[in-house]
Amino acid sequence: MAGETRAQPATTDREIVLSRSIDAPRELVFEAFTEVRHLSRWWGPTGFTTTTRSFEFRVDGVWDFVMHGPDGTDYAEWITWTEIVPPERITLSHGESRDDPNAFESVLTFEPDGAATRIVMRTVFPTRQLRDEAIEKYHAVEGGRQTLSSLAAYVTEIARKGAEG
């Protein structure tokens, strides 16, 4: 009908949504987010490394860390966990510091996909402009894909070693 519009979430123009199927059990993929010994092995885009200042995986807990870019640039990062539903969902707020007005929210869901796990990372920025800046200036989409690829390689290797062990 004329004038009819399709309903869309109010946040569509502020979102980045990425997903990936990972050949490992859901509990293992979820666990890779819960311990800093795991996160430090795979977090971030290709070529980045991570130094953790403090880490506490619980609701209202904080992960305070620095990402080191391949060009030597350091990026201060701050994550606060706002919801944890093992092994299904993690919601977090991610910025440069505790009170960052430009912090964004990410919801990660972990869905069984046969013997594999489908992880969906839905990130909502405070404004469309901040989302666009993250994409254009910080290559957020490609960086997110690389991060999920690193996660997949990491947990697939753990699952393979566990199966051999």
C-alpha atoms as a PDB file:
ATOM      1  CA  MET A   1       0.000   0.000   0.000  1.00  0.00           C
ATOM      2  CA  ALA A   2       1.094   3.555  -0.618  1.00  0.00           C
ATOM      3  CA  GLY A   3       2.714   5.234   2.356  1.00  0.00           C
ATOM      4  CA  GLU A   4       3.379   1.940   4.123  1.00  0.00           C
ATOM      5  CA  THR A   5       6.824   1.625   5.699  1.00  0.00           C
ATOM      6  CA  ARG A   6       8.605  -1.432   6.898  1.00  0.00           C
ATOM      7  CA  ALA A   7       9.376  -1.389  10.613  1.00  0.00           C
ATOM      8  CA  GLN A   8      13.096  -1.235  11.345  1.00  0.00           C
ATOM      9  CA  PRO A   9      14.874  -1.051  14.686  1.00  0.00           C
ATOM     10  CA  ALA A  10      15.434   2.550  15.760  1.00  0.00           C
ATOM     11  CA  THR A  11      19.170   1.865  15.971  1.00  0.00           C
ATOM     12  CA  THR A  12      19.749   0.526  12.428  1.00  0.00           C
ATOM     13  CA  ASP A  13      21.657   3.618  11.264  1.00  0.00           C
ATOM     14  CA  ARG A  14      23.949   3.400  14.321  1.00  0.00           C
ATOM     15  CA  GLU A  15      24.785  -0.324  14.159  1.00  0.00           C
ATOM     16  CA  ILE A  16      27.462  -2.640  12.918  1.00  0.00           C
ATOM     17  CA  VAL A  17      26.435  -6.312  12.914  1.00  0.00           C
ATOM     18  CA  LEU A  18      28.983  -9.052  12.229  1.00  0.00           C
ATOM     19  CA  SER A  19      28.619 -12.810  12.521  1.00  0.00           C
ATOM     20  CA  ARG A  20      30.700 -15.885  12.007  1.00  0.00           C
ATOM     21  CA  SER A  21      30.317 -19.613  12.382  1.00  0.00           C
ATOM     22  CA  ILE A  22      33.124 -21.118  14.461  1.00  0.00           C
ATOM     23  CA  ASP A  23      33.934 -24.822  14.426  1.00  0.00           C
ATOM     24  CA  ALA A  24      33.992 -25.244  18.212  1.00  0.00           C
ATOM     25  CA  PRO A  25      31.437 -25.875  20.969  1.00  0.00           C
ATOM     26  CA  ARG A  26      29.467 -22.873  22.238  1.00  0.00           C
ATOM     27  CA  GLU A  27      30.795 -23.216  25.799  1.00  0.00           C
ATOM     28  CA  LEU A  28      34.379 -22.985  24.536  1.00  0.00           C
ATOM     29  CA  VAL A  29      33.695 -19.955  22.323  1.00  0.00           C
ATOM     30  CA  PHE A  30      31.962 -18.238  25.260  1.00  0.00           C
ATOM     31  CA  GLU A  31      34.834 -19.143  27.603  1.00  0.00           C
ATOM     32  CA  ALA A  32      37.302 -17.409  25.264  1.00  0.00           C
ATOM     33  CA  PHE A  33      35.688 -14.120  26.405  1.00  0.00           C
ATOM     34  CA  THR A  34      35.744 -14.890  30.132  1.00  0.00           C
ATOM     35  CA  GLU A  35      39.440 -15.174  30.958  1.00  0.00           C
ATOM     36  CA  VAL A  36      42.185 -12.712  30.166  1.00  0.00           C
ATOM     37  CA  ARG A  37      44.592 -15.578  29.383  1.00  0.00           C
ATOM     38  CA  HIS A  38      42.318 -16.359  26.430  1.00  0.00           C
ATOM     39  CA  LEU A  39      41.503 -12.788  25.384  1.00  0.00           C
ATOM     40  CA  SER A  40      45.143 -11.725  25.229  1.00  0.00           C
ATOM     41  CA  ARG A  41      45.770 -14.487  22.679  1.00  0.00           C
ATOM     42  CA  TRP A  42      43.148 -13.477  20.103  1.00  0.00           C
ATOM     43  CA  TRP A  43      41.595 -10.050  20.811  1.00  0.00           C
ATOM     44  CA  GLY A  44      41.893  -7.345  18.157  1.00  0.00           C
ATOM     45  CA  PRO A  45      42.523  -7.006  14.445  1.00  0.00           C
ATOM     46  CA  THR A  46      45.410  -8.688  12.632  1.00  0.00           C
ATOM     47  CA  GLY A  47      48.789  -7.382  13.784  1.00  0.00           C
ATOM     48  CA  PHE A  48      47.505  -5.910  17.064  1.00  0.00           C
ATOM     49  CA  THR A  49      48.593  -7.054  20.520  1.00  0.00           C
ATOM     50  CA  THR A  50      46.937  -6.382  23.867  1.00  0.00           C
ATOM     51  CA  THR A  51      48.339  -5.441  27.283  1.00  0.00           C
ATOM     52  CA  THR A  52      45.857  -5.813  30.145  1.00  0.00           C
ATOM     53  CA  ARG A  53      46.000  -3.405  33.088  1.00  0.00           C
ATOM     54  CA  SER A  54      43.089  -4.994  34.991  1.00  0.00           C
ATOM     55  CA  PHE A  55      40.441  -7.596  34.246  1.00  0.00           C
ATOM     56  CA  GLU A  56      37.371  -8.780  36.112  1.00  0.00           C
ATOM     57  CA  PHE A  57      34.771 -10.749  34.166  1.00  0.00           C
ATOM     58  CA  ARG A  58      31.511 -10.116  36.020  1.00  0.00           C
ATOM     59  CA  VAL A  59      28.582  -7.722  35.643  1.00  0.00           C
ATOM     60  CA  ASP A  60      29.953  -4.214  36.329  1.00  0.00           C
ATOM     61  CA  GLY A  61      33.480  -5.675  36.142  1.00  0.00           C
ATOM     62  CA  VAL A  62      36.069  -3.947  33.982  1.00  0.00           C
ATOM     63  CA  TRP A  63      38.690  -4.878  31.430  1.00  0.00           C
ATOM     64  CA  ASP A  64      41.180  -1.994  31.231  1.00  0.00           C
ATOM     65  CA  PHE A  65      43.711  -2.599  28.466  1.00  0.00           C
ATOM     66  CA  VAL A  66      45.897  -1.095  25.755  1.00  0.00           C
ATOM     67  CA  MET A  67      45.850  -2.285  22.168  1.00  0.00           C
ATOM     68  CA  HIS A  68      49.144  -1.904  20.358  1.00  0.00           C
ATOM     69  CA  GLY A  69      48.798  -1.324  16.624  1.00  0.00           C
ATOM     70  CA  PRO A  70      51.235  -2.781  14.112  1.00  0.00           C
ATOM     71  CA  ASP A  71      52.478   0.776  13.438  1.00  0.00           C
ATOM     72  CA  GLY A  72      53.381   1.264  17.125  1.00  0.00           C
ATOM     73  CA  THR A  73      50.298   3.325  18.015  1.00  0.00           C
ATOM     74  CA  ASP A  74      48.774   2.565  21.431  1.00  0.00           C
ATOM     75  CA  TYR A  75      45.008   2.705  21.929  1.00  0.00           C
ATOM     76  CA  ALA A  76      43.632   2.918  25.485  1.00  0.00           C
ATOM     77  CA  GLU A  77      40.533   0.728  25.806  1.00  0.00           C
ATOM     78  CA  TRP A  78      37.963   0.217  28.541  1.00  0.00           C
ATOM     79  CA  ILE A  79      35.231  -2.439  28.634  1.00  0.00           C
ATOM     80  CA  THR A  80      32.549  -2.815  31.290  1.00  0.00           C
ATOM     81  CA  TRP A  81      30.458  -5.992  31.226  1.00  0.00           C
ATOM     82  CA  THR A  82      26.757  -5.063  31.617  1.00  0.00           C
ATOM     83  CA  GLU A  83      25.130  -8.478  31.134  1.00  0.00           C
ATOM     84  CA  ILE A  84      26.534 -12.009  31.219  1.00  0.00           C
ATOM     85  CA  VAL A  85      24.304 -15.000  30.428  1.00  0.00           C
ATOM     86  CA  PRO A  86      26.575 -18.061  30.047  1.00  0.00           C
ATOM     87  CA  PRO A  87      26.958 -19.458  27.435  1.00  0.00           C
ATOM     88  CA  GLU A  88      24.386 -17.467  25.446  1.00  0.00           C
ATOM     89  CA  ARG A  89      25.048 -13.735  25.624  1.00  0.00           C
ATOM     90  CA  ILE A  90      27.458 -11.015  26.749  1.00  0.00           C
ATOM     91  CA  THR A  91      26.596  -7.309  26.699  1.00  0.00           C
ATOM     92  CA  LEU A  92      29.350  -4.764  27.188  1.00  0.00           C
ATOM     93  CA  SER A  93      30.081  -1.071  27.000  1.00  0.00           C
ATOM     94  CA  HIS A  94      33.355  -0.230  25.197  1.00  0.00           C
ATOM     95  CA  GLY A  95      35.159   3.102  25.182  1.00  0.00           C
ATOM     96  CA  GLU A  96      38.542   4.688  25.771  1.00  0.00           C
ATOM     97  CA  SER A  97      37.949   5.274  29.487  1.00  0.00           C
ATOM     98  CA  ARG A  98      35.400   4.791  32.254  1.00  0.00           C
ATOM     99  CA  ASP A  99      33.278   7.862  31.449  1.00  0.00           C
ATOM    100  CA  ASP A 100      33.812   8.004  27.683  1.00  0.00           C
ATOM    101  CA  PRO A 101      30.734   9.814  26.256  1.00  0.00           C
ATOM    102  CA  ASN A 102      31.363   8.093  22.917  1.00  0.00           C
ATOM    103  CA  ALA A 103      31.387   4.548  24.339  1.00  0.00           C
ATOM    104  CA  PHE A 104      29.410   2.027  22.325  1.00  0.00           C
ATOM    105  CA  GLU A 105      27.453  -1.042  23.378  1.00  0.00           C
ATOM    106  CA  SER A 106      28.061  -4.499  21.966  1.00  0.00           C
ATOM    107  CA  VAL A 107      25.831  -7.539  22.379  1.00  0.00           C
ATOM    108  CA  LEU A 108      27.489 -10.858  21.578  1.00  0.00           C
ATOM    109  CA  THR A 109      25.273 -13.892  21.156  1.00  0.00           C
ATOM    110  CA  PHE A 110      26.502 -17.460  20.961  1.00  0.00           C
ATOM    111  CA  GLU A 111      24.121 -19.809  19.154  1.00  0.00           C
ATOM    112  CA  PRO A 112      24.571 -23.547  18.584  1.00  0.00           C
ATOM    113  CA  ASP A 113      25.016 -24.263  14.882  1.00  0.00           C
ATOM    114  CA  GLY A 114      25.209 -28.040  14.702  1.00  0.00           C
ATOM    115  CA  ALA A 115      28.582 -28.939  16.257  1.00  0.00           C
ATOM    116  CA  ALA A 116      29.734 -25.370  15.615  1.00  0.00           C
ATOM    117  CA  THR A 117      28.805 -22.024  17.169  1.00  0.00           C
ATOM    118  CA  ARG A 118      27.420 -18.945  15.420  1.00  0.00           C
ATOM    119  CA  ILE A 119      28.619 -15.791  17.124  1.00  0.00           C
ATOM    120  CA  VAL A 120      26.809 -12.550  16.332  1.00  0.00           C
ATOM    121  CA  MET A 121      28.346  -9.251  17.413  1.00  0.00           C
ATOM    122  CA  ARG A 122      25.857  -6.355  17.315  1.00  0.00           C
ATOM    123  CA  THR A 123      27.419  -2.990  18.132  1.00  0.00           C
ATOM    124  CA  VAL A 124      25.325   0.140  18.628  1.00  0.00           C
ATOM    125  CA  PHE A 125      27.005   3.554  18.652  1.00  0.00           C
ATOM    126  CA  PRO A 126      25.567   6.653  20.401  1.00  0.00           C
ATOM    127  CA  THR A 127      25.180   8.422  17.026  1.00  0.00           C
ATOM    128  CA  ARG A 128      25.267   7.587  13.336  1.00  0.00           C
ATOM    129  CA  GLN A 129      28.259   9.919  12.962  1.00  0.00           C
ATOM    130  CA  LEU A 130      30.253   7.912  15.528  1.00  0.00           C
ATOM    131  CA  ARG A 131      29.346   4.681  13.731  1.00  0.00           C
ATOM    132  CA  ASP A 132      30.436   6.155  10.398  1.00  0.00           C
ATOM    133  CA  GLU A 133      33.691   7.453  11.927  1.00  0.00           C
ATOM    134  CA  ALA A 134      34.410   3.995  13.408  1.00  0.00           C
ATOM    135  CA  ILE A 135      33.943   2.457   9.957  1.00  0.00           C
ATOM    136  CA  GLU A 136      35.865   5.059   7.968  1.00  0.00           C
ATOM    137  CA  LYS A 137      38.648   6.104  10.347  1.00  0.00           C
ATOM    138  CA  TYR A 138      39.145   2.946  12.408  1.00  0.00           C
ATOM    139  CA  HIS A 139      38.051   0.319   9.847  1.00  0.00           C
ATOM    140  CA  ALA A 140      35.639  -1.160  12.401  1.00  0.00           C
ATOM    141  CA  VAL A 141      33.978  -3.623  10.031  1.00  0.00           C
ATOM    142  CA  GLU A 142      37.224  -5.126   8.729  1.00  0.00           C
ATOM    143  CA  GLY A 143      38.775  -5.006  12.209  1.00  0.00           C
ATOM    144  CA  GLY A 144      35.749  -6.770  13.653  1.00  0.00           C
ATOM    145  CA  ARG A 145      35.933  -9.463  10.991  1.00  0.00           C
ATOM    146  CA  GLN A 146      39.648  -9.947  11.679  1.00  0.00           C
ATOM    147  CA  THR A 147      38.950 -10.163  15.428  1.00  0.00           C
ATOM    148  CA  LEU A 148      36.277 -12.850  14.890  1.00  0.00           C
ATOM    149  CA  SER A 149      38.683 -14.656  12.566  1.00  0.00           C
ATOM    150  CA  SER A 150      41.370 -14.606  15.297  1.00  0.00           C
ATOM    151  CA  LEU A 151      38.819 -15.903  17.810  1.00  0.00           C
ATOM    152  CA  ALA A 152      37.825 -18.699  15.415  1.00  0.00           C
ATOM    153  CA  ALA A 153      41.429 -19.768  14.831  1.00  0.00           C
ATOM    154  CA  TYR A 154      42.161 -19.675  18.565  1.00  0.00           C
ATOM    155  CA  VAL A 155      39.179 -21.707  19.799  1.00  0.00           C
ATOM    156  CA  THR A 156      39.324 -24.136  16.882  1.00  0.00           C
ATOM    157  CA  GLU A 157      42.926 -24.920  17.862  1.00  0.00           C
ATOM    158  CA  ILE A 158      41.928 -25.407  21.525  1.00  0.00           C
ATOM    159  CA  ALA A 159      39.034 -27.674  20.493  1.00  0.00           C
ATOM    160  CA  ARG A 160      41.353 -29.708  18.241  1.00  0.00           C
ATOM    161  CA  LYS A 161      43.950 -30.106  20.987  1.00  0.00           C
ATOM    162  CA  GLY A 162      41.218 -31.071  23.451  1.00  0.00           C
ATOM    163  CA  ALA A 163      39.944 -33.736  21.075  1.00  0.00           C
ATOM    164  CA  GLU A 164      43.491 -35.140  20.705  1.00  0.00           C
ATOM    165  CA  GLY A 165      44.210 -35.016  24.402  1.00  0.00           C
END
